[in-house]
N, C-alpha and C. Protein backbone atom coordinates (compact mmCIF):
# COMPACT_ATOMS: atom_id res chain seq x y z
N MET A 1 -14.46 0.53 -18.61
CA MET A 1 -13.53 0.21 -17.13
C MET A 1 -14.32 -0.55 -16.00
N THR A 2 -14.05 -1.34 -15.11
CA THR A 2 -14.76 -1.93 -13.90
C THR A 2 -14.37 -1.79 -12.87
N PRO A 3 -14.98 -1.31 -12.19
CA PRO A 3 -14.30 -0.92 -10.19
C PRO A 3 -13.69 -2.15 -9.64
N GLY A 4 -12.38 -2.49 -9.40
CA GLY A 4 -11.76 -3.33 -9.06
C GLY A 4 -11.80 -3.36 -7.11
N ASP A 5 -10.67 -4.12 -6.30
CA ASP A 5 -10.43 -3.79 -5.47
C ASP A 5 -9.76 -2.36 -4.97
N SER A 6 -10.26 -1.40 -4.65
CA SER A 6 -9.31 -0.20 -3.99
C SER A 6 -8.80 -0.74 -3.04
N SER A 7 -8.32 -1.56 -2.32
CA SER A 7 -7.26 -1.53 -1.72
C SER A 7 -6.13 -2.06 -1.97
N GLU A 8 -6.16 -2.80 -3.30
CA GLU A 8 -4.65 -2.52 -4.35
C GLU A 8 -4.35 -1.29 -5.07
N PHE A 9 -3.52 -0.89 -4.40
CA PHE A 9 -2.27 0.30 -4.45
C PHE A 9 -1.75 0.16 -5.25
N GLU A 10 -1.31 -0.84 -5.58
CA GLU A 10 -0.40 -0.99 -6.79
C GLU A 10 -0.21 -1.82 -8.25
N GLU A 11 -1.25 -2.28 -9.20
CA GLU A 11 -1.99 -3.01 -9.91
C GLU A 11 -1.12 -3.73 -11.38
N ASP A 12 -1.32 -4.25 -11.82
CA ASP A 12 -0.89 -4.53 -13.54
C ASP A 12 -1.99 -3.54 -14.13
N LEU A 13 -2.09 -3.44 -15.12
CA LEU A 13 -3.29 -2.75 -15.38
C LEU A 13 -3.15 -3.97 -17.07
N VAL A 14 -4.60 -4.27 -16.93
CA VAL A 14 -4.33 -5.45 -18.74
C VAL A 14 -5.77 -4.83 -19.60
N VAL A 15 -5.43 -4.22 -20.55
CA VAL A 15 -6.17 -3.11 -21.52
C VAL A 15 -6.28 -4.12 -21.95
N ARG A 16 -8.21 -5.11 -22.21
CA ARG A 16 -8.38 -5.29 -23.64
C ARG A 16 -8.81 -4.80 -24.63
N GLY A 17 -9.11 -4.70 -26.03
CA GLY A 17 -9.96 -4.03 -26.75
C GLY A 17 -11.16 -5.32 -27.30
N ILE A 18 -12.51 -5.19 -26.98
CA ILE A 18 -13.89 -5.69 -27.38
C ILE A 18 -14.99 -4.71 -28.25
N VAL A 19 -15.78 -5.26 -28.60
CA VAL A 19 -16.59 -5.21 -29.29
C VAL A 19 -18.17 -4.80 -28.34
N ARG A 20 -18.83 -4.01 -28.17
CA ARG A 20 -19.82 -4.17 -27.71
C ARG A 20 -21.06 -2.76 -27.90
N CYS A 21 -22.11 -3.36 -28.94
CA CYS A 21 -22.92 -2.77 -29.47
C CYS A 21 -22.40 -2.24 -31.00
N GLY A 22 -21.54 -3.31 -30.82
CA GLY A 22 -21.03 -2.49 -32.84
C GLY A 22 -19.68 -1.38 -32.84
N PHE A 23 -19.47 -0.83 -31.45
CA PHE A 23 -18.14 -0.65 -30.90
C PHE A 23 -16.95 -0.51 -30.51
N ARG A 24 -16.08 -0.18 -30.81
CA ARG A 24 -14.68 -1.08 -30.44
C ARG A 24 -14.40 0.20 -29.11
N VAL A 25 -14.21 -0.69 -28.54
CA VAL A 25 -14.02 -0.52 -27.28
C VAL A 25 -12.77 -0.89 -26.52
N LEU A 26 -12.18 0.00 -25.47
CA LEU A 26 -10.76 -0.92 -24.34
C LEU A 26 -11.49 -1.24 -23.24
N GLN A 27 -11.41 -2.10 -22.59
CA GLN A 27 -11.75 -2.66 -21.38
C GLN A 27 -11.12 -3.03 -20.31
N VAL A 28 -11.07 -2.50 -19.08
CA VAL A 28 -9.78 -2.47 -18.06
C VAL A 28 -10.58 -2.74 -16.68
N THR A 29 -9.79 -3.17 -15.81
CA THR A 29 -10.38 -2.98 -14.61
C THR A 29 -9.39 -2.67 -13.32
N SER A 30 -9.61 -2.38 -12.47
CA SER A 30 -9.26 -1.35 -11.96
C SER A 30 -9.80 -0.51 -10.92
N GLY A 31 -8.93 -0.82 -9.82
CA GLY A 31 -9.26 -0.39 -8.23
C GLY A 31 -9.66 1.38 -8.22
N ASN A 32 -9.20 2.35 -8.94
CA ASN A 32 -9.03 3.31 -9.24
C ASN A 32 -9.19 3.58 -10.41
N VAL A 33 -9.63 4.33 -10.46
CA VAL A 33 -10.77 4.58 -11.63
C VAL A 33 -10.02 5.85 -12.04
N PRO A 34 -10.49 6.65 -11.49
CA PRO A 34 -9.38 8.17 -12.09
C PRO A 34 -7.80 7.95 -12.96
N ASN A 35 -6.86 7.21 -11.97
CA ASN A 35 -5.74 7.00 -12.07
C ASN A 35 -5.57 5.98 -13.50
N THR A 36 -6.46 5.42 -13.45
CA THR A 36 -6.37 3.75 -14.84
C THR A 36 -6.80 4.77 -16.18
N ILE A 37 -8.33 5.43 -15.56
CA ILE A 37 -8.43 6.77 -17.53
C ILE A 37 -7.09 7.43 -17.83
N ALA A 38 -6.83 7.92 -16.44
CA ALA A 38 -5.65 8.99 -17.02
C ALA A 38 -3.64 8.13 -17.42
N ALA A 39 -4.34 6.69 -17.08
CA ALA A 39 -2.82 6.21 -17.94
C ALA A 39 -3.03 5.59 -18.58
N VAL A 40 -4.32 5.16 -19.21
CA VAL A 40 -4.86 4.49 -20.54
C VAL A 40 -4.69 5.48 -21.49
N LEU A 41 -5.38 6.69 -21.38
CA LEU A 41 -5.02 7.48 -22.52
C LEU A 41 -4.21 8.60 -22.68
N LEU A 42 -2.47 8.55 -20.91
CA LEU A 42 -1.33 8.89 -21.98
C LEU A 42 -0.80 7.61 -22.81
N ALA A 43 -1.03 6.55 -22.50
CA ALA A 43 -1.01 5.09 -22.99
C ALA A 43 -0.81 5.36 -24.87
N VAL A 44 -2.39 5.36 -24.85
CA VAL A 44 -2.77 5.65 -26.33
C VAL A 44 -2.12 6.36 -26.82
N ARG A 45 -1.86 7.45 -26.14
CA ARG A 45 -0.83 8.78 -26.77
C ARG A 45 0.00 8.38 -27.03
N ASP A 46 0.51 7.83 -26.21
CA ASP A 46 2.12 7.49 -26.30
C ASP A 46 2.64 6.44 -27.62
N LEU A 47 1.64 5.27 -27.87
CA LEU A 47 1.65 4.28 -28.86
C LEU A 47 1.27 4.73 -29.67
N THR A 48 0.50 5.80 -30.13
CA THR A 48 -0.22 5.62 -31.44
C THR A 48 0.69 7.05 -31.84
N GLY A 49 0.82 8.43 -30.92
CA GLY A 49 0.47 9.62 -31.57
C GLY A 49 -0.22 11.04 -31.61
N VAL A 50 -1.19 10.30 -31.25
CA VAL A 50 -2.52 11.28 -31.79
C VAL A 50 -2.67 11.27 -30.13
N LYS A 51 -3.26 12.66 -29.64
CA LYS A 51 -4.06 12.86 -28.39
C LYS A 51 -5.16 12.44 -28.33
N PRO A 52 -5.66 11.67 -27.42
CA PRO A 52 -6.79 11.28 -27.10
C PRO A 52 -8.06 11.93 -26.52
N GLY A 53 -9.06 11.70 -26.19
CA GLY A 53 -10.29 13.23 -25.57
C GLY A 53 -10.97 12.01 -24.91
N VAL A 54 -11.58 11.73 -23.41
CA VAL A 54 -12.18 11.30 -22.40
C VAL A 54 -13.65 12.25 -22.42
N TYR A 55 -14.65 11.55 -22.92
CA TYR A 55 -16.43 12.27 -22.15
C TYR A 55 -16.30 11.89 -20.65
N PHE A 56 -17.11 13.00 -20.59
CA PHE A 56 -17.31 12.29 -19.12
C PHE A 56 -19.05 13.10 -18.68
N GLU A 57 -19.73 12.67 -18.35
CA GLU A 57 -20.88 12.72 -18.54
C GLU A 57 -21.15 13.82 -16.58
N TRP A 58 -21.74 15.11 -16.05
CA TRP A 58 -21.94 15.75 -15.20
C TRP A 58 -22.38 14.53 -13.91
N THR A 59 -22.16 14.79 -12.98
CA THR A 59 -22.37 13.80 -11.63
C THR A 59 -23.96 14.65 -11.22
N GLU A 60 -24.18 12.96 -10.94
CA GLU A 60 -26.06 14.12 -10.76
C GLU A 60 -26.09 14.64 -8.99
N GLY A 61 -26.95 15.49 -8.90
CA GLY A 61 -26.86 15.60 -7.20
C GLY A 61 -26.66 16.79 -6.42
N SER A 62 -26.25 17.35 -5.28
CA SER A 62 -25.98 18.35 -4.80
C SER A 62 -24.78 18.37 -4.98
N PRO A 63 -23.38 18.93 -5.38
CA PRO A 63 -22.25 19.51 -5.25
C PRO A 63 -21.32 19.29 -3.99
N VAL A 64 -21.94 20.17 -2.92
CA VAL A 64 -21.31 19.31 -1.90
C VAL A 64 -22.25 18.23 -1.33
N GLY A 65 -22.87 17.02 -1.54
CA GLY A 65 -23.14 15.88 -1.16
C GLY A 65 -22.07 14.99 -2.18
N ASN A 66 -21.90 15.66 -3.14
CA ASN A 66 -21.02 14.64 -4.14
C ASN A 66 -19.98 14.88 -3.44
N LEU A 67 -19.42 16.12 -3.18
CA LEU A 67 -17.80 16.36 -2.39
C LEU A 67 -17.98 15.54 -1.09
N LEU A 68 -18.74 15.77 -0.32
CA LEU A 68 -18.75 14.76 0.77
C LEU A 68 -18.73 13.76 0.46
N ARG A 69 -19.42 13.39 -0.30
CA ARG A 69 -19.58 11.45 -0.82
C ARG A 69 -17.62 10.62 -1.70
N PHE A 70 -17.33 12.36 -2.14
CA PHE A 70 -15.66 11.88 -2.04
C PHE A 70 -14.83 11.60 -1.49
N LEU A 71 -14.87 12.74 -0.22
CA LEU A 71 -14.04 12.37 0.63
C LEU A 71 -14.61 11.58 1.80
N VAL A 72 -16.12 10.79 1.97
CA VAL A 72 -15.70 9.97 2.44
C VAL A 72 -15.64 8.56 2.43
N THR A 73 -16.10 8.10 0.92
CA THR A 73 -16.49 6.99 0.59
C THR A 73 -15.09 7.26 -0.75
N GLY A 74 -14.25 7.70 -1.32
CA GLY A 74 -13.73 8.08 -2.29
C GLY A 74 -14.14 7.58 -4.02
N THR A 75 -15.42 7.62 -4.31
CA THR A 75 -16.11 7.22 -5.39
C THR A 75 -16.73 8.77 -5.71
N GLY A 76 -17.09 8.27 -6.96
CA GLY A 76 -18.01 9.59 -7.38
C GLY A 76 -16.80 11.00 -8.55
N GLU A 77 -16.95 12.56 -8.77
CA GLU A 77 -15.82 12.70 -8.99
C GLU A 77 -14.89 12.15 -9.69
N VAL A 78 -15.23 11.70 -10.49
CA VAL A 78 -14.12 11.20 -11.54
C VAL A 78 -13.22 11.84 -12.83
N ALA A 79 -14.32 13.23 -13.41
CA ALA A 79 -13.85 13.15 -14.21
C ALA A 79 -12.60 14.80 -13.70
N PRO A 80 -13.01 15.37 -12.77
CA PRO A 80 -12.63 16.42 -12.36
C PRO A 80 -10.71 15.52 -11.70
N VAL A 81 -10.80 14.40 -11.44
CA VAL A 81 -9.48 13.57 -10.43
C VAL A 81 -9.25 13.77 -11.90
N THR A 82 -9.64 13.32 -12.42
CA THR A 82 -8.97 12.49 -14.27
C THR A 82 -7.86 13.25 -14.34
N ARG A 83 -8.63 14.50 -14.70
CA ARG A 83 -8.35 15.76 -15.02
C ARG A 83 -7.36 16.37 -14.49
N GLU A 84 -7.01 16.79 -13.17
CA GLU A 84 -5.63 16.59 -12.55
C GLU A 84 -4.78 15.88 -12.51
N VAL A 85 -5.00 14.09 -12.48
CA VAL A 85 -3.79 13.53 -12.35
C VAL A 85 -3.08 13.48 -13.99
N LEU A 86 -3.88 13.55 -15.05
CA LEU A 86 -3.66 14.55 -16.40
C LEU A 86 -2.70 15.30 -16.61
N ARG A 87 -3.34 16.86 -15.78
CA ARG A 87 -2.22 17.72 -15.54
C ARG A 87 -1.04 17.84 -15.28
N ARG A 88 -0.73 17.02 -13.85
CA ARG A 88 0.40 16.58 -12.65
C ARG A 88 1.19 15.38 -13.83
N ALA A 89 0.80 14.98 -14.42
CA ALA A 89 1.65 13.64 -14.96
C ALA A 89 2.07 14.16 -16.02
N GLU A 90 0.89 15.17 -17.32
CA GLU A 90 1.47 15.76 -18.39
C GLU A 90 2.02 17.44 -18.31
N PRO A 91 3.00 17.95 -18.13
CA PRO A 91 2.99 19.86 -17.88
C PRO A 91 2.30 20.06 -19.29
N VAL A 92 2.57 20.09 -20.16
CA VAL A 92 2.57 20.46 -21.16
C VAL A 92 1.58 19.88 -22.07
N ARG A 93 0.10 21.41 -21.55
CA ARG A 93 -0.98 21.11 -22.32
C ARG A 93 -1.27 20.78 -23.12
N ALA A 94 0.04 21.53 -24.47
CA ALA A 94 -0.83 20.20 -26.18
C ALA A 94 0.08 19.09 -25.95
N ARG A 95 0.19 18.26 -25.14
CA ARG A 95 0.36 16.76 -25.82
C ARG A 95 -0.53 16.09 -24.36
N ARG A 96 -1.01 16.92 -23.00
CA ARG A 96 -2.04 16.33 -22.18
C ARG A 96 -3.14 16.15 -23.13
N PRO A 97 -4.02 14.75 -22.60
CA PRO A 97 -5.11 14.22 -23.27
C PRO A 97 -5.96 14.94 -23.14
N ASP A 98 -7.04 15.35 -23.59
CA ASP A 98 -8.19 16.43 -23.31
C ASP A 98 -9.53 15.71 -22.47
N VAL A 99 -10.34 16.53 -21.57
CA VAL A 99 -10.99 15.31 -20.56
C VAL A 99 -12.49 16.39 -20.72
N HIS A 100 -13.60 16.06 -21.82
CA HIS A 100 -14.41 16.58 -21.61
C HIS A 100 -15.68 16.42 -20.71
N VAL A 101 -16.69 17.72 -19.73
CA VAL A 101 -17.79 16.54 -19.17
C VAL A 101 -18.73 17.77 -20.34
N SER A 102 -20.03 16.40 -19.70
CA SER A 102 -21.14 17.62 -20.13
C SER A 102 -22.47 17.01 -19.76
């Protein structure tokens, strides 16, 4: 995921398959990281019939500081926002892609 121009409120996503360090990965550029991750996960599920999962690491620093940074700048807190976007887009839990944070 490469962050793009966040002033773009509507954009076409171009997802490419690449090999990085011997691993096959999907690459996409967007100004809205959580929504883009959710959209790609739902598209993968719909195209393959397999429920995908995504893994994030915890955001470092103070939870209050992270929340303030998110509210002021819109950065950080990608995992919970991605999960909420997925929850709203797919109400059936069994069909919803999994979001893991560790």
